[in-house]
Structures are given as structure tokens and as C-alpha cells.
Amino acid sequence: MKKTTLLYWLSTGLLVALMTMSGLMNSMSTPESVAAFAHLGYPAYLSPFLGVAKLLGVIALVVPGFPRLREWAYAGFVFDLAGAMYSSIAVGDSAGTWLPISLGFLLIAISYRLNQRQTEATAFPAAVAGVPA
């Protein structure tokens, strides 16, 4: 259990750091963020919206007690990264530009799966004792 918890918090911490940095850049509409959105063909007003959504997703991951909200945060991050990767490929960016996004997908997958394991591990003893979960 300790190994699972350690790996969960390591992967989730890296995911949270990635999404927090990205979310802050987007929500503050930094010149780099606005330029990246323009390069992809998106309007500048979309940047703060996505930034705030990422920061809310980060909060959903780290605050305990809201498993359904955490599920939605993971899904939102997958949608965000899938859209970023697709958009980058669609405008003809090189693999060196869009391939690192795969690291984000890997962090999401590891964090999500380990979160499921922890949830199952804590729910299983109650189910064995006859207590409905």
C-alpha cells in the first residue's frame, strides 16, 4: 500500500505541476500562451478559459473527498492534451513539438490507475465486513 501511495503522489504531483504551470500561463494570457494559441488558430479569449479550467482541475485532484469531481478532472486533462496534440499535428508542427504531450498522457494514466487502486483498496475492507460502499 505504501508503494502505491508513493507512486500515486509522485505521478499526481508531476501532473499537478504540469497543469498548474500551463494553467497559470493560460489564465494570465502570457505573450507565449497567446502566441501559441494564435499559431494553432485559436482566439486569444480561449486561453484564460482553459487556464482557469486547468487550475480547477488541479484543485479537484488534490482536494480529498470528491471522487466524482476527480474523475471529471482526469477526463478534462485528457481532452485538453488530446486537443493540444491534435491541433499541433494539424498545423504541421514537427514531432518534437507535439510528442512531449505524450508525457502528460502517461502521467494522467499512471495517476488515474493508482487512484483507482487506492480507492478499491480502501473500499474492499468495508465490503468484506458487509458494510455497503
C-alpha atoms as a PDB file:
ATOM      1  CA  MET A   1       0.000   0.000   0.000  1.00  0.00           C
ATOM      2  CA  LYS A   2       2.809   2.419   0.791  1.00  0.00           C
ATOM      3  CA  LYS A   3       4.424   1.853  -2.617  1.00  0.00           C
ATOM      4  CA  THR A   4       1.118   2.531  -4.390  1.00  0.00           C
ATOM      5  CA  THR A   5       0.560   5.683  -2.344  1.00  0.00           C
ATOM      6  CA  LEU A   6       4.081   6.941  -3.021  1.00  0.00           C
ATOM      7  CA  LEU A   7       3.818   6.307  -6.758  1.00  0.00           C
ATOM      8  CA  TYR A   8       0.348   7.878  -6.828  1.00  0.00           C
ATOM      9  CA  TRP A   9       1.519  11.089  -5.188  1.00  0.00           C
ATOM     10  CA  LEU A  10       4.661  11.221  -7.315  1.00  0.00           C
ATOM     11  CA  SER A  11       2.741  10.903 -10.596  1.00  0.00           C
ATOM     12  CA  THR A  12      -0.076  13.146  -9.394  1.00  0.00           C
ATOM     13  CA  GLY A  13       2.410  15.740  -8.142  1.00  0.00           C
ATOM     14  CA  LEU A  14       4.117  15.854 -11.530  1.00  0.00           C
ATOM     15  CA  LEU A  15       0.742  16.065 -13.282  1.00  0.00           C
ATOM     16  CA  VAL A  16      -0.386  18.835 -10.930  1.00  0.00           C
ATOM     17  CA  ALA A  17       2.865  20.752 -11.533  1.00  0.00           C
ATOM     18  CA  LEU A  18       2.476  20.424 -15.307  1.00  0.00           C
ATOM     19  CA  MET A  19      -1.151  21.526 -15.318  1.00  0.00           C
ATOM     20  CA  THR A  20      -0.590  24.312 -12.779  1.00  0.00           C
ATOM     21  CA  MET A  21       2.201  25.859 -14.842  1.00  0.00           C
ATOM     22  CA  SER A  22       0.153  25.533 -18.019  1.00  0.00           C
ATOM     23  CA  GLY A  23      -2.993  26.813 -16.302  1.00  0.00           C
ATOM     24  CA  LEU A  24      -1.234  29.860 -14.857  1.00  0.00           C
ATOM     25  CA  MET A  25       0.308  30.762 -18.213  1.00  0.00           C
ATOM     26  CA  ASN A  26      -3.065  30.406 -19.926  1.00  0.00           C
ATOM     27  CA  SER A  27      -5.123  32.210 -17.287  1.00  0.00           C
ATOM     28  CA  MET A  28      -2.729  35.175 -17.197  1.00  0.00           C
ATOM     29  CA  SER A  29      -2.646  35.256 -21.025  1.00  0.00           C
ATOM     30  CA  THR A  30       1.125  35.461 -21.154  1.00  0.00           C
ATOM     31  CA  PRO A  31       2.570  36.513 -24.517  1.00  0.00           C
ATOM     32  CA  GLU A  32       3.857  32.967 -25.064  1.00  0.00           C
ATOM     33  CA  SER A  33       0.434  31.493 -24.376  1.00  0.00           C
ATOM     34  CA  VAL A  34      -1.350  33.963 -26.660  1.00  0.00           C
ATOM     35  CA  ALA A  35       1.224  33.357 -29.409  1.00  0.00           C
ATOM     36  CA  ALA A  36       0.787  29.582 -29.086  1.00  0.00           C
ATOM     37  CA  PHE A  37      -2.990  29.912 -29.356  1.00  0.00           C
ATOM     38  CA  ALA A  38      -2.635  32.190 -32.400  1.00  0.00           C
ATOM     39  CA  HIS A  39      -0.243  29.711 -34.028  1.00  0.00           C
ATOM     40  CA  LEU A  40      -2.836  26.968 -33.565  1.00  0.00           C
ATOM     41  CA  GLY A  41      -5.583  29.189 -34.972  1.00  0.00           C
ATOM     42  CA  TYR A  42      -7.489  29.752 -31.726  1.00  0.00           C
ATOM     43  CA  PRO A  43      -8.730  33.122 -30.439  1.00  0.00           C
ATOM     44  CA  ALA A  44      -6.885  34.736 -27.531  1.00  0.00           C
ATOM     45  CA  TYR A  45     -10.006  34.746 -25.352  1.00  0.00           C
ATOM     46  CA  LEU A  46      -9.907  30.943 -25.163  1.00  0.00           C
ATOM     47  CA  SER A  47      -6.614  30.987 -23.255  1.00  0.00           C
ATOM     48  CA  PRO A  48      -7.906  32.308 -19.884  1.00  0.00           C
ATOM     49  CA  PHE A  49     -10.914  29.989 -20.033  1.00  0.00           C
ATOM     50  CA  LEU A  50      -8.712  26.907 -20.452  1.00  0.00           C
ATOM     51  CA  GLY A  51      -6.296  28.216 -17.841  1.00  0.00           C
ATOM     52  CA  VAL A  52      -8.984  28.539 -15.192  1.00  0.00           C
ATOM     53  CA  ALA A  53     -10.395  25.118 -16.133  1.00  0.00           C
ATOM     54  CA  LYS A  54      -6.934  23.557 -15.678  1.00  0.00           C
ATOM     55  CA  LEU A  55      -6.479  25.212 -12.296  1.00  0.00           C
ATOM     56  CA  LEU A  56      -9.903  23.986 -11.162  1.00  0.00           C
ATOM     57  CA  GLY A  57      -8.924  20.501 -12.338  1.00  0.00           C
ATOM     58  CA  VAL A  58      -5.746  20.688 -10.272  1.00  0.00           C
ATOM     59  CA  ILE A  59      -7.781  21.611  -7.201  1.00  0.00           C
ATOM     60  CA  ALA A  60     -10.122  18.687  -7.880  1.00  0.00           C
ATOM     61  CA  LEU A  61      -7.154  16.294  -7.930  1.00  0.00           C
ATOM     62  CA  VAL A  62      -5.577  17.405  -4.675  1.00  0.00           C
ATOM     63  CA  VAL A  63      -8.649  18.023  -2.507  1.00  0.00           C
ATOM     64  CA  PRO A  64      -9.812  14.760  -0.911  1.00  0.00           C
ATOM     65  CA  GLY A  65     -13.387  13.618  -0.674  1.00  0.00           C
ATOM     66  CA  PHE A  66     -14.692  14.355  -4.170  1.00  0.00           C
ATOM     67  CA  PRO A  67     -14.093  11.196  -6.247  1.00  0.00           C
ATOM     68  CA  ARG A  68     -16.604  12.072  -8.980  1.00  0.00           C
ATOM     69  CA  LEU A  69     -15.090  15.516  -9.428  1.00  0.00           C
ATOM     70  CA  ARG A  70     -11.630  13.909  -9.608  1.00  0.00           C
ATOM     71  CA  GLU A  71     -12.871  11.651 -12.431  1.00  0.00           C
ATOM     72  CA  TRP A  72     -14.039  14.704 -14.359  1.00  0.00           C
ATOM     73  CA  ALA A  73     -10.684  16.419 -13.804  1.00  0.00           C
ATOM     74  CA  TYR A  74      -8.821  13.449 -15.261  1.00  0.00           C
ATOM     75  CA  ALA A  75     -11.192  13.446 -18.247  1.00  0.00           C
ATOM     76  CA  GLY A  76     -10.753  17.181 -18.731  1.00  0.00           C
ATOM     77  CA  PHE A  77      -6.989  16.848 -18.733  1.00  0.00           C
ATOM     78  CA  VAL A  78      -7.186  14.091 -21.347  1.00  0.00           C
ATOM     79  CA  PHE A  79      -9.441  16.263 -23.526  1.00  0.00           C
ATOM     80  CA  ASP A  80      -7.099  19.222 -23.100  1.00  0.00           C
ATOM     81  CA  LEU A  81      -3.993  17.252 -24.050  1.00  0.00           C
ATOM     82  CA  ALA A  82      -5.733  15.447 -26.913  1.00  0.00           C
ATOM     83  CA  GLY A  83      -6.878  18.781 -28.318  1.00  0.00           C
ATOM     84  CA  ALA A  84      -3.409  20.263 -27.923  1.00  0.00           C
ATOM     85  CA  MET A  85      -1.750  17.302 -29.622  1.00  0.00           C
ATOM     86  CA  TYR A  86      -4.268  17.180 -32.468  1.00  0.00           C
ATOM     87  CA  SER A  87      -4.080  20.935 -33.032  1.00  0.00           C
ATOM     88  CA  SER A  88      -0.298  20.848 -33.112  1.00  0.00           C
ATOM     89  CA  ILE A  89      -0.278  17.998 -35.626  1.00  0.00           C
ATOM     90  CA  ALA A  90      -2.998  19.691 -37.714  1.00  0.00           C
ATOM     91  CA  VAL A  91      -0.975  22.890 -38.192  1.00  0.00           C
ATOM     92  CA  GLY A  92       2.049  20.881 -39.276  1.00  0.00           C
ATOM     93  CA  ASP A  93       4.268  21.183 -36.208  1.00  0.00           C
ATOM     94  CA  SER A  94       7.164  18.755 -36.017  1.00  0.00           C
ATOM     95  CA  ALA A  95       7.043  15.710 -33.754  1.00  0.00           C
ATOM     96  CA  GLY A  96       9.464  17.464 -31.414  1.00  0.00           C
ATOM     97  CA  THR A  97       6.707  19.973 -30.672  1.00  0.00           C
ATOM     98  CA  TRP A  98       3.784  17.648 -30.033  1.00  0.00           C
ATOM     99  CA  LEU A  99       5.459  14.408 -28.895  1.00  0.00           C
ATOM    100  CA  PRO A 100       6.251  15.708 -25.365  1.00  0.00           C
ATOM    101  CA  ILE A 101       2.492  15.953 -24.793  1.00  0.00           C
ATOM    102  CA  SER A 102       2.615  12.152 -24.526  1.00  0.00           C
ATOM    103  CA  LEU A 103       4.344  12.604 -21.175  1.00  0.00           C
ATOM    104  CA  GLY A 104       1.195  14.317 -19.903  1.00  0.00           C
ATOM    105  CA  PHE A 105      -0.922  11.389 -21.114  1.00  0.00           C
ATOM    106  CA  LEU A 106       1.430   8.990 -19.325  1.00  0.00           C
ATOM    107  CA  LEU A 107       1.193  10.946 -16.059  1.00  0.00           C
ATOM    108  CA  ILE A 108      -2.600  11.020 -16.303  1.00  0.00           C
ATOM    109  CA  ALA A 109      -2.765   7.269 -16.940  1.00  0.00           C
ATOM    110  CA  ILE A 110      -0.453   6.395 -14.048  1.00  0.00           C
ATOM    111  CA  SER A 111      -2.120   8.785 -11.602  1.00  0.00           C
ATOM    112  CA  TYR A 112      -5.624   7.672 -12.614  1.00  0.00           C
ATOM    113  CA  ARG A 113      -4.860   3.953 -12.321  1.00  0.00           C
ATOM    114  CA  LEU A 114      -3.127   4.312  -8.969  1.00  0.00           C
ATOM    115  CA  ASN A 115      -6.027   6.429  -7.724  1.00  0.00           C
ATOM    116  CA  GLN A 116      -8.377   3.594  -8.704  1.00  0.00           C
ATOM    117  CA  ARG A 117      -6.206   1.069  -6.862  1.00  0.00           C
ATOM    118  CA  GLN A 118      -6.225   3.172  -3.717  1.00  0.00           C
ATOM    119  CA  THR A 119      -9.980   3.625  -3.908  1.00  0.00           C
ATOM    120  CA  GLU A 120     -10.501  -0.116  -4.368  1.00  0.00           C
ATOM    121  CA  ALA A 121      -8.132  -0.917  -1.506  1.00  0.00           C
ATOM    122  CA  THR A 122      -9.987   1.347   0.908  1.00  0.00           C
ATOM    123  CA  ALA A 123     -13.449   0.188  -0.247  1.00  0.00           C
ATOM    124  CA  PHE A 124     -12.603  -3.531  -0.172  1.00  0.00           C
ATOM    125  CA  PRO A 125     -12.307  -3.952   3.627  1.00  0.00           C
ATOM    126  CA  ALA A 126     -15.703  -2.342   4.112  1.00  0.00           C
ATOM    127  CA  ALA A 127     -17.246  -4.659   1.522  1.00  0.00           C
ATOM    128  CA  VAL A 128     -15.725  -7.713   3.232  1.00  0.00           C
ATOM    129  CA  ALA A 129     -17.183  -6.609   6.550  1.00  0.00           C
ATOM    130  CA  GLY A 130     -20.623  -6.416   4.959  1.00  0.00           C
ATOM    131  CA  VAL A 131     -20.822  -2.642   5.006  1.00  0.00           C
ATOM    132  CA  PRO A 132     -22.215  -1.209   1.753  1.00  0.00           C
ATOM    133  CA  ALA A 133     -19.758   1.064  -0.044  1.00  0.00           C
END
